[in-house]
Amino acid sequence: MSIKEMETKARELQELKRMREELDAEIEAAQDAIKAAMGDQEAVTAGAYKITWKAVESARLDAKALKAALPDVAARFMVTSTVRRFNVV
């Protein structure tokens, strides 16, 4: 791929990301409107759609608290990984 083709593809990528941001905002607005209409209800049937909005509990490790309370134990279980970050600015 030539530099000119790469520039064109980068421009296309930036436009697609901009479009995704707009679409994400529209999706969030639609979800917020439905949630507001549901109020405290966890499930609603709207025509062909069953819409649910339920509380879900999850348990996660508080790594910051573990490091503060037991730094030697936390250090023994630390895993290092390497990733390549792709960015177009």
PDB file of N, CA and C in Angstrom:
ATOM      1  N   MET A   1       0.867  -1.167   0.000  1.00  0.00           N
ATOM      2  CA  MET A   1       0.000   0.000   0.000  1.00  0.00           C
ATOM      3  C   MET A   1       0.909   1.224   0.000  1.00  0.00           C
ATOM      4  N   SER A   2       0.633   2.135  -0.891  1.00  0.00           N
ATOM      5  CA  SER A   2       1.438   3.353  -0.969  1.00  0.00           C
ATOM      6  C   SER A   2       1.068   4.315   0.158  1.00  0.00           C
ATOM      7  N   ILE A   3       1.920   5.316   0.363  1.00  0.00           N
ATOM      8  CA  ILE A   3       1.649   6.326   1.388  1.00  0.00           C
ATOM      9  C   ILE A   3       0.348   7.056   1.065  1.00  0.00           C
ATOM     10  N   LYS A   4       0.110   7.352  -0.189  1.00  0.00           N
ATOM     11  CA  LYS A   4      -1.124   8.047  -0.596  1.00  0.00           C
ATOM     12  C   LYS A   4      -2.348   7.172  -0.295  1.00  0.00           C
ATOM     13  N   GLU A   5      -2.255   5.873  -0.573  1.00  0.00           N
ATOM     14  CA  GLU A   5      -3.364   4.962  -0.281  1.00  0.00           C
ATOM     15  C   GLU A   5      -3.576   4.829   1.228  1.00  0.00           C
ATOM     16  N   MET A   6      -2.468   4.831   1.974  1.00  0.00           N
ATOM     17  CA  MET A   6      -2.562   4.751   3.429  1.00  0.00           C
ATOM     18  C   MET A   6      -3.228   6.010   3.980  1.00  0.00           C
ATOM     19  N   GLU A   7      -2.897   7.156   3.427  1.00  0.00           N
ATOM     20  CA  GLU A   7      -3.525   8.409   3.856  1.00  0.00           C
ATOM     21  C   GLU A   7      -5.024   8.366   3.582  1.00  0.00           C
ATOM     22  N   THR A   8      -5.409   7.866   2.415  1.00  0.00           N
ATOM     23  CA  THR A   8      -6.824   7.764   2.064  1.00  0.00           C
ATOM     24  C   THR A   8      -7.543   6.817   3.025  1.00  0.00           C
ATOM     25  N   LYS A   9      -6.905   5.691   3.322  1.00  0.00           N
ATOM     26  CA  LYS A   9      -7.507   4.712   4.227  1.00  0.00           C
ATOM     27  C   LYS A   9      -7.610   5.279   5.644  1.00  0.00           C
ATOM     28  N   ALA A  10      -6.607   6.050   6.081  1.00  0.00           N
ATOM     29  CA  ALA A  10      -6.640   6.682   7.403  1.00  0.00           C
ATOM     30  C   ALA A  10      -7.770   7.700   7.474  1.00  0.00           C
ATOM     31  N   ARG A  11      -7.963   8.464   6.409  1.00  0.00           N
ATOM     32  CA  ARG A  11      -9.057   9.443   6.354  1.00  0.00           C
ATOM     33  C   ARG A  11     -10.397   8.723   6.442  1.00  0.00           C
ATOM     34  N   GLU A  12     -10.526   7.613   5.701  1.00  0.00           N
ATOM     35  CA  GLU A  12     -11.740   6.814   5.738  1.00  0.00           C
ATOM     36  C   GLU A  12     -11.978   6.266   7.145  1.00  0.00           C
ATOM     37  N   LEU A  13     -10.929   5.807   7.791  1.00  0.00           N
ATOM     38  CA  LEU A  13     -11.028   5.291   9.153  1.00  0.00           C
ATOM     39  C   LEU A  13     -11.521   6.362  10.114  1.00  0.00           C
ATOM     40  N   GLN A  14     -10.973   7.559  10.020  1.00  0.00           N
ATOM     41  CA  GLN A  14     -11.391   8.663  10.891  1.00  0.00           C
ATOM     42  C   GLN A  14     -12.870   8.998  10.672  1.00  0.00           C
ATOM     43  N   GLU A  15     -13.319   8.984   9.420  1.00  0.00           N
ATOM     44  CA  GLU A  15     -14.724   9.274   9.121  1.00  0.00           C
ATOM     45  C   GLU A  15     -15.624   8.175   9.684  1.00  0.00           C
ATOM     46  N   LEU A  16     -15.216   6.930   9.544  1.00  0.00           N
ATOM     47  CA  LEU A  16     -16.001   5.829  10.092  1.00  0.00           C
ATOM     48  C   LEU A  16     -16.094   5.913  11.610  1.00  0.00           C
ATOM     49  N   LYS A  17     -15.003   6.285  12.267  1.00  0.00           N
ATOM     50  CA  LYS A  17     -15.020   6.455  13.726  1.00  0.00           C
ATOM     51  C   LYS A  17     -15.957   7.586  14.128  1.00  0.00           C
ATOM     52  N   ARG A  18     -15.943   8.680  13.374  1.00  0.00           N
ATOM     53  CA  ARG A  18     -16.846   9.803  13.658  1.00  0.00           C
ATOM     54  C   ARG A  18     -18.289   9.346  13.525  1.00  0.00           C
ATOM     55  N   MET A  19     -18.578   8.579  12.470  1.00  0.00           N
ATOM     56  CA  MET A  19     -19.931   8.072  12.248  1.00  0.00           C
ATOM     57  C   MET A  19     -20.339   7.125  13.383  1.00  0.00           C
ATOM     58  N   ARG A  20     -19.395   6.301  13.855  1.00  0.00           N
ATOM     59  CA  ARG A  20     -19.681   5.381  14.957  1.00  0.00           C
ATOM     60  C   ARG A  20     -20.026   6.157  16.222  1.00  0.00           C
ATOM     61  N   GLU A  21     -19.299   7.249  16.492  1.00  0.00           N
ATOM     62  CA  GLU A  21     -19.592   8.064  17.675  1.00  0.00           C
ATOM     63  C   GLU A  21     -21.001   8.632  17.607  1.00  0.00           C
ATOM     64  N   GLU A  22     -21.395   9.101  16.424  1.00  0.00           N
ATOM     65  CA  GLU A  22     -22.753   9.631  16.258  1.00  0.00           C
ATOM     66  C   GLU A  22     -23.785   8.530  16.473  1.00  0.00           C
ATOM     67  N   LEU A  23     -23.530   7.362  15.895  1.00  0.00           N
ATOM     68  CA  LEU A  23     -24.451   6.245  16.039  1.00  0.00           C
ATOM     69  C   LEU A  23     -24.531   5.777  17.485  1.00  0.00           C
ATOM     70  N   ASP A  24     -23.397   5.709  18.170  1.00  0.00           N
ATOM     71  CA  ASP A  24     -23.383   5.335  19.592  1.00  0.00           C
ATOM     72  C   ASP A  24     -24.210   6.310  20.423  1.00  0.00           C
ATOM     73  N   ALA A  25     -24.134   7.597  20.107  1.00  0.00           N
ATOM     74  CA  ALA A  25     -24.917   8.603  20.836  1.00  0.00           C
ATOM     75  C   ALA A  25     -26.410   8.399  20.581  1.00  0.00           C
ATOM     76  N   GLU A  26     -26.786   8.077  19.345  1.00  0.00           N
ATOM     77  CA  GLU A  26     -28.191   7.836  19.023  1.00  0.00           C
ATOM     78  C   GLU A  26     -28.695   6.576  19.725  1.00  0.00           C
ATOM     79  N   ILE A  27     -27.860   5.538  19.762  1.00  0.00           N
ATOM     80  CA  ILE A  27     -28.233   4.295  20.453  1.00  0.00           C
ATOM     81  C   ILE A  27     -28.451   4.569  21.933  1.00  0.00           C
ATOM     82  N   GLU A  28     -27.530   5.298  22.543  1.00  0.00           N
ATOM     83  CA  GLU A  28     -27.651   5.611  23.962  1.00  0.00           C
ATOM     84  C   GLU A  28     -28.906   6.430  24.249  1.00  0.00           C
ATOM     85  N   ALA A  29     -29.223   7.379  23.375  1.00  0.00           N
ATOM     86  CA  ALA A  29     -30.423   8.193  23.562  1.00  0.00           C
ATOM     87  C   ALA A  29     -31.683   7.333  23.471  1.00  0.00           C
ATOM     88  N   ALA A  30     -31.718   6.400  22.532  1.00  0.00           N
ATOM     89  CA  ALA A  30     -32.880   5.513  22.391  1.00  0.00           C
ATOM     90  C   ALA A  30     -33.017   4.622  23.625  1.00  0.00           C
ATOM     91  N   GLN A  31     -31.886   4.082  24.112  1.00  0.00           N
ATOM     92  CA  GLN A  31     -31.922   3.251  25.310  1.00  0.00           C
ATOM     93  C   GLN A  31     -32.396   4.056  26.515  1.00  0.00           C
ATOM     94  N   ASP A  32     -31.896   5.270  26.660  1.00  0.00           N
ATOM     95  CA  ASP A  32     -32.291   6.112  27.787  1.00  0.00           C
ATOM     96  C   ASP A  32     -33.784   6.419  27.752  1.00  0.00           C
ATOM     97  N   ALA A  33     -34.334   6.641  26.561  1.00  0.00           N
ATOM     98  CA  ALA A  33     -35.766   6.916  26.435  1.00  0.00           C
ATOM     99  C   ALA A  33     -36.583   5.704  26.860  1.00  0.00           C
ATOM    100  N   ILE A  34     -36.151   4.520  26.431  1.00  0.00           N
ATOM    101  CA  ILE A  34     -36.859   3.295  26.811  1.00  0.00           C
ATOM    102  C   ILE A  34     -36.755   3.072  28.317  1.00  0.00           C
ATOM    103  N   LYS A  35     -35.574   3.264  28.885  1.00  0.00           N
ATOM    104  CA  LYS A  35     -35.384   3.085  30.331  1.00  0.00           C
ATOM    105  C   LYS A  35     -36.260   4.054  31.115  1.00  0.00           C
ATOM    106  N   ALA A  36     -36.341   5.292  30.657  1.00  0.00           N
ATOM    107  CA  ALA A  36     -37.173   6.286  31.343  1.00  0.00           C
ATOM    108  C   ALA A  36     -38.637   5.860  31.304  1.00  0.00           C
ATOM    109  N   ALA A  37     -39.069   5.327  30.179  1.00  0.00           N
ATOM    110  CA  ALA A  37     -40.459   4.885  30.052  1.00  0.00           C
ATOM    111  C   ALA A  37     -40.730   3.655  30.916  1.00  0.00           C
ATOM    112  N   MET A  38     -39.711   2.803  31.098  1.00  0.00           N
ATOM    113  CA  MET A  38     -39.887   1.595  31.907  1.00  0.00           C
ATOM    114  C   MET A  38     -39.965   1.907  33.389  1.00  0.00           C
ATOM    115  N   GLY A  39     -39.308   2.957  33.827  1.00  0.00           N
ATOM    116  CA  GLY A  39     -39.307   3.281  35.249  1.00  0.00           C
ATOM    117  C   GLY A  39     -38.691   2.163  36.063  1.00  0.00           C
ATOM    118  N   ASP A  40     -39.437   1.644  37.048  1.00  0.00           N
ATOM    119  CA  ASP A  40     -38.935   0.582  37.924  1.00  0.00           C
ATOM    120  C   ASP A  40     -39.219  -0.823  37.392  1.00  0.00           C
ATOM    121  N   GLN A  41     -39.925  -0.918  36.274  1.00  0.00           N
ATOM    122  CA  GLN A  41     -40.248  -2.239  35.729  1.00  0.00           C
ATOM    123  C   GLN A  41     -38.980  -2.917  35.204  1.00  0.00           C
ATOM    124  N   GLU A  42     -38.870  -4.216  35.450  1.00  0.00           N
ATOM    125  CA  GLU A  42     -37.708  -4.961  34.970  1.00  0.00           C
ATOM    126  C   GLU A  42     -37.934  -5.552  33.591  1.00  0.00           C
ATOM    127  N   ALA A  43     -39.194  -5.739  33.195  1.00  0.00           N
ATOM    128  CA  ALA A  43     -39.493  -6.325  31.889  1.00  0.00           C
ATOM    129  C   ALA A  43     -40.768  -5.707  31.328  1.00  0.00           C
ATOM    130  N   VAL A  44     -40.749  -5.486  30.032  1.00  0.00           N
ATOM    131  CA  VAL A  44     -41.902  -4.918  29.330  1.00  0.00           C
ATOM    132  C   VAL A  44     -42.002  -5.610  27.981  1.00  0.00           C
ATOM    133  N   THR A  45     -43.242  -5.915  27.559  1.00  0.00           N
ATOM    134  CA  THR A  45     -43.456  -6.421  26.211  1.00  0.00           C
ATOM    135  C   THR A  45     -44.016  -5.274  25.394  1.00  0.00           C
ATOM    136  N   ALA A  46     -43.310  -4.941  24.322  1.00  0.00           N
ATOM    137  CA  ALA A  46     -43.728  -3.846  23.441  1.00  0.00           C
ATOM    138  C   ALA A  46     -43.872  -4.419  22.036  1.00  0.00           C
ATOM    139  N   GLY A  47     -45.087  -4.826  21.708  1.00  0.00           N
ATOM    140  CA  GLY A  47     -45.304  -5.448  20.403  1.00  0.00           C
ATOM    141  C   GLY A  47     -44.513  -6.743  20.299  1.00  0.00           C
ATOM    142  N   ALA A  48     -43.636  -6.814  19.301  1.00  0.00           N
ATOM    143  CA  ALA A  48     -42.846  -8.023  19.062  1.00  0.00           C
ATOM    144  C   ALA A  48     -41.608  -8.094  19.950  1.00  0.00           C
ATOM    145  N   TYR A  49     -41.387  -7.079  20.780  1.00  0.00           N
ATOM    146  CA  TYR A  49     -40.147  -7.006  21.566  1.00  0.00           C
ATOM    147  C   TYR A  49     -40.401  -7.215  23.047  1.00  0.00           C
ATOM    148  N   LYS A  50     -39.556  -8.037  23.649  1.00  0.00           N
ATOM    149  CA  LYS A  50     -39.535  -8.157  25.105  1.00  0.00           C
ATOM    150  C   LYS A  50     -38.291  -7.409  25.558  1.00  0.00           C
ATOM    151  N   ILE A  51     -38.497  -6.353  26.330  1.00  0.00           N
ATOM    152  CA  ILE A  51     -37.410  -5.490  26.777  1.00  0.00           C
ATOM    153  C   ILE A  51     -37.193  -5.738  28.259  1.00  0.00           C
ATOM    154  N   THR A  52     -35.948  -6.031  28.634  1.00  0.00           N
ATOM    155  CA  THR A  52     -35.626  -6.247  30.039  1.00  0.00           C
ATOM    156  C   THR A  52     -34.542  -5.268  30.472  1.00  0.00           C
ATOM    157  N   TRP A  53     -34.644  -4.863  31.724  1.00  0.00           N
ATOM    158  CA  TRP A  53     -33.653  -3.959  32.329  1.00  0.00           C
ATOM    159  C   TRP A  53     -33.551  -4.358  33.785  1.00  0.00           C
ATOM    160  N   LYS A  54     -32.677  -5.333  34.026  1.00  0.00           N
ATOM    161  CA  LYS A  54     -32.577  -5.946  35.348  1.00  0.00           C
ATOM    162  C   LYS A  54     -31.253  -5.607  36.014  1.00  0.00           C
ATOM    163  N   ALA A  55     -31.291  -5.556  37.329  1.00  0.00           N
ATOM    164  CA  ALA A  55     -30.070  -5.355  38.108  1.00  0.00           C
ATOM    165  C   ALA A  55     -29.261  -6.650  38.086  1.00  0.00           C
ATOM    166  N   VAL A  56     -27.971  -6.526  37.888  1.00  0.00           N
ATOM    167  CA  VAL A  56     -27.079  -7.682  37.866  1.00  0.00           C
ATOM    168  C   VAL A  56     -25.948  -7.409  38.846  1.00  0.00           C
ATOM    169  N   GLU A  57     -25.727  -8.336  39.755  1.00  0.00           N
ATOM    170  CA  GLU A  57     -24.635  -8.190  40.716  1.00  0.00           C
ATOM    171  C   GLU A  57     -23.425  -8.950  40.218  1.00  0.00           C
ATOM    172  N   SER A  58     -22.256  -8.392  40.476  1.00  0.00           N
ATOM    173  CA  SER A  58     -21.023  -9.093  40.129  1.00  0.00           C
ATOM    174  C   SER A  58     -20.004  -8.846  41.224  1.00  0.00           C
ATOM    175  N   ALA A  59     -19.123  -9.797  41.386  1.00  0.00           N
ATOM    176  CA  ALA A  59     -18.063  -9.674  42.382  1.00  0.00           C
ATOM    177  C   ALA A  59     -16.740  -9.595  41.635  1.00  0.00           C
ATOM    178  N   ARG A  60     -15.950  -8.596  41.966  1.00  0.00           N
ATOM    179  CA  ARG A  60     -14.662  -8.405  41.308  1.00  0.00           C
ATOM    180  C   ARG A  60     -13.590  -8.197  42.358  1.00  0.00           C
ATOM    181  N   LEU A  61     -12.401  -8.551  41.986  1.00  0.00           N
ATOM    182  CA  LEU A  61     -11.266  -8.351  42.870  1.00  0.00           C
ATOM    183  C   LEU A  61     -10.874  -6.873  42.861  1.00  0.00           C
ATOM    184  N   ASP A  62     -10.724  -6.304  44.022  1.00  0.00           N
ATOM    185  CA  ASP A  62     -10.266  -4.924  44.154  1.00  0.00           C
ATOM    186  C   ASP A  62      -8.736  -4.953  44.225  1.00  0.00           C
ATOM    187  N   ALA A  63      -8.102  -4.898  43.065  1.00  0.00           N
ATOM    188  CA  ALA A  63      -6.641  -5.022  42.983  1.00  0.00           C
ATOM    189  C   ALA A  63      -5.941  -3.903  43.755  1.00  0.00           C
ATOM    190  N   LYS A  64      -6.491  -2.712  43.732  1.00  0.00           N
ATOM    191  CA  LYS A  64      -5.876  -1.591  44.440  1.00  0.00           C
ATOM    192  C   LYS A  64      -5.854  -1.850  45.946  1.00  0.00           C
ATOM    193  N   ALA A  65      -6.975  -2.338  46.482  1.00  0.00           N
ATOM    194  CA  ALA A  65      -7.042  -2.640  47.920  1.00  0.00           C
ATOM    195  C   ALA A  65      -6.114  -3.803  48.275  1.00  0.00           C
ATOM    196  N   LEU A  66      -6.041  -4.803  47.387  1.00  0.00           N
ATOM    197  CA  LEU A  66      -5.151  -5.933  47.632  1.00  0.00           C
ATOM    198  C   LEU A  66      -3.698  -5.478  47.666  1.00  0.00           C
ATOM    199  N   LYS A  67      -3.320  -4.625  46.724  1.00  0.00           N
ATOM    200  CA  LYS A  67      -1.944  -4.106  46.700  1.00  0.00           C
ATOM    201  C   LYS A  67      -1.630  -3.314  47.965  1.00  0.00           C
ATOM    202  N   ALA A  68      -2.623  -2.569  48.454  1.00  0.00           N
ATOM    203  CA  ALA A  68      -2.407  -1.768  49.654  1.00  0.00           C
ATOM    204  C   ALA A  68      -2.307  -2.648  50.905  1.00  0.00           C
ATOM    205  N   ALA A  69      -3.154  -3.672  50.987  1.00  0.00           N
ATOM    206  CA  ALA A  69      -3.195  -4.512  52.182  1.00  0.00           C
ATOM    207  C   ALA A  69      -2.103  -5.586  52.182  1.00  0.00           C
ATOM    208  N   LEU A  70      -1.877  -6.207  51.029  1.00  0.00           N
ATOM    209  CA  LEU A  70      -0.921  -7.312  50.934  1.00  0.00           C
ATOM    210  C   LEU A  70      -0.064  -7.166  49.677  1.00  0.00           C
ATOM    211  N   PRO A  71       0.831  -6.189  49.660  1.00  0.00           N
ATOM    212  CA  PRO A  71       1.600  -5.932  48.438  1.00  0.00           C
ATOM    213  C   PRO A  71       2.448  -7.119  47.980  1.00  0.00           C
ATOM    214  N   ASP A  72       2.976  -7.907  48.912  1.00  0.00           N
ATOM    215  CA  ASP A  72       3.797  -9.066  48.523  1.00  0.00           C
ATOM    216  C   ASP A  72       2.949 -10.134  47.831  1.00  0.00           C
ATOM    217  N   VAL A  73       1.744 -10.364  48.318  1.00  0.00           N
ATOM    218  CA  VAL A  73       0.837 -11.334  47.702  1.00  0.00           C
ATOM    219  C   VAL A  73       0.400 -10.825  46.328  1.00  0.00           C
ATOM    220  N   ALA A  74       0.043  -9.565  46.237  1.00  0.00           N
ATOM    221  CA  ALA A  74      -0.386  -8.992  44.967  1.00  0.00           C
ATOM    222  C   ALA A  74       0.724  -9.097  43.930  1.00  0.00           C
ATOM    223  N   ALA A  75       1.950  -8.829  44.333  1.00  0.00           N
ATOM    224  CA  ALA A  75       3.081  -8.882  43.405  1.00  0.00           C
ATOM    225  C   ALA A  75       3.300 -10.290  42.869  1.00  0.00           C
ATOM    226  N   ARG A  76       3.052 -11.300  43.691  1.00  0.00           N
ATOM    227  CA  ARG A  76       3.236 -12.686  43.247  1.00  0.00           C
ATOM    228  C   ARG A  76       2.263 -13.082  42.151  1.00  0.00           C
ATOM    229  N   PHE A  77       1.113 -12.422  42.092  1.00  0.00           N
ATOM    230  CA  PHE A  77       0.087 -12.788  41.122  1.00  0.00           C
ATOM    231  C   PHE A  77      -0.056 -11.788  39.976  1.00  0.00           C
ATOM    232  N   MET A  78       0.852 -10.840  39.884  1.00  0.00           N
ATOM    233  CA  MET A  78       0.817  -9.881  38.784  1.00  0.00           C
ATOM    234  C   MET A  78       1.262 -10.565  37.496  1.00  0.00           C
ATOM    235  N   VAL A  79       0.565 -10.264  36.421  1.00  0.00           N
ATOM    236  CA  VAL A  79       0.898 -10.801  35.108  1.00  0.00           C
ATOM    237  C   VAL A  79       1.160  -9.622  34.189  1.00  0.00           C
ATOM    238  N   THR A  80       2.278  -9.664  33.491  1.00  0.00           N
ATOM    239  CA  THR A  80       2.617  -8.600  32.556  1.00  0.00           C
ATOM    240  C   THR A  80       2.320  -9.075  31.137  1.00  0.00           C
ATOM    241  N   SER A  81       1.715  -8.214  30.360  1.00  0.00           N
ATOM    242  CA  SER A  81       1.442  -8.540  28.961  1.00  0.00           C
ATOM    243  C   SER A  81       1.840  -7.363  28.087  1.00  0.00           C
ATOM    244  N   THR A  82       2.103  -7.651  26.848  1.00  0.00           N
ATOM    245  CA  THR A  82       2.480  -6.618  25.885  1.00  0.00           C
ATOM    246  C   THR A  82       1.466  -6.609  24.761  1.00  0.00           C
ATOM    247  N   VAL A  83       1.007  -5.420  24.425  1.00  0.00           N
ATOM    248  CA  VAL A  83       0.073  -5.247  23.312  1.00  0.00           C
ATOM    249  C   VAL A  83       0.606  -4.153  22.403  1.00  0.00           C
ATOM    250  N   ARG A  84       0.155  -4.157  21.185  1.00  0.00           N
ATOM    251  CA  ARG A  84       0.502  -3.084  20.263  1.00  0.00           C
ATOM    252  C   ARG A  84      -0.723  -2.183  20.136  1.00  0.00           C
ATOM    253  N   ARG A  85      -0.579  -0.930  20.475  1.00  0.00           N
ATOM    254  CA  ARG A  85      -1.682   0.011  20.412  1.00  0.00           C
ATOM    255  C   ARG A  85      -1.679   0.684  19.043  1.00  0.00           C
ATOM    256  N   PHE A  86      -2.805   0.611  18.336  1.00  0.00           N
ATOM    257  CA  PHE A  86      -2.961   1.224  17.029  1.00  0.00           C
ATOM    258  C   PHE A  86      -3.701   2.533  17.201  1.00  0.00           C
ATOM    259  N   ASN A  87      -3.165   3.603  16.623  1.00  0.00           N
ATOM    260  CA  ASN A  87      -3.779   4.922  16.776  1.00  0.00           C
ATOM    261  C   ASN A  87      -3.548   5.720  15.509  1.00  0.00           C
ATOM    262  N   VAL A  88      -4.560   6.457  15.080  1.00  0.00           N
ATOM    263  CA  VAL A  88      -4.447   7.372  13.949  1.00  0.00           C
ATOM    264  C   VAL A  88      -4.886   8.729  14.430  1.00  0.00           C
ATOM    265  N   VAL A  89      -3.979   9.715  14.381  1.00  0.00           N
ATOM    266  CA  VAL A  89      -4.321  11.074  14.833  1.00  0.00           C
ATOM    267  C   VAL A  89      -4.114  12.072  13.725  1.00  0.00           C
TER     268      VAL A  89
END
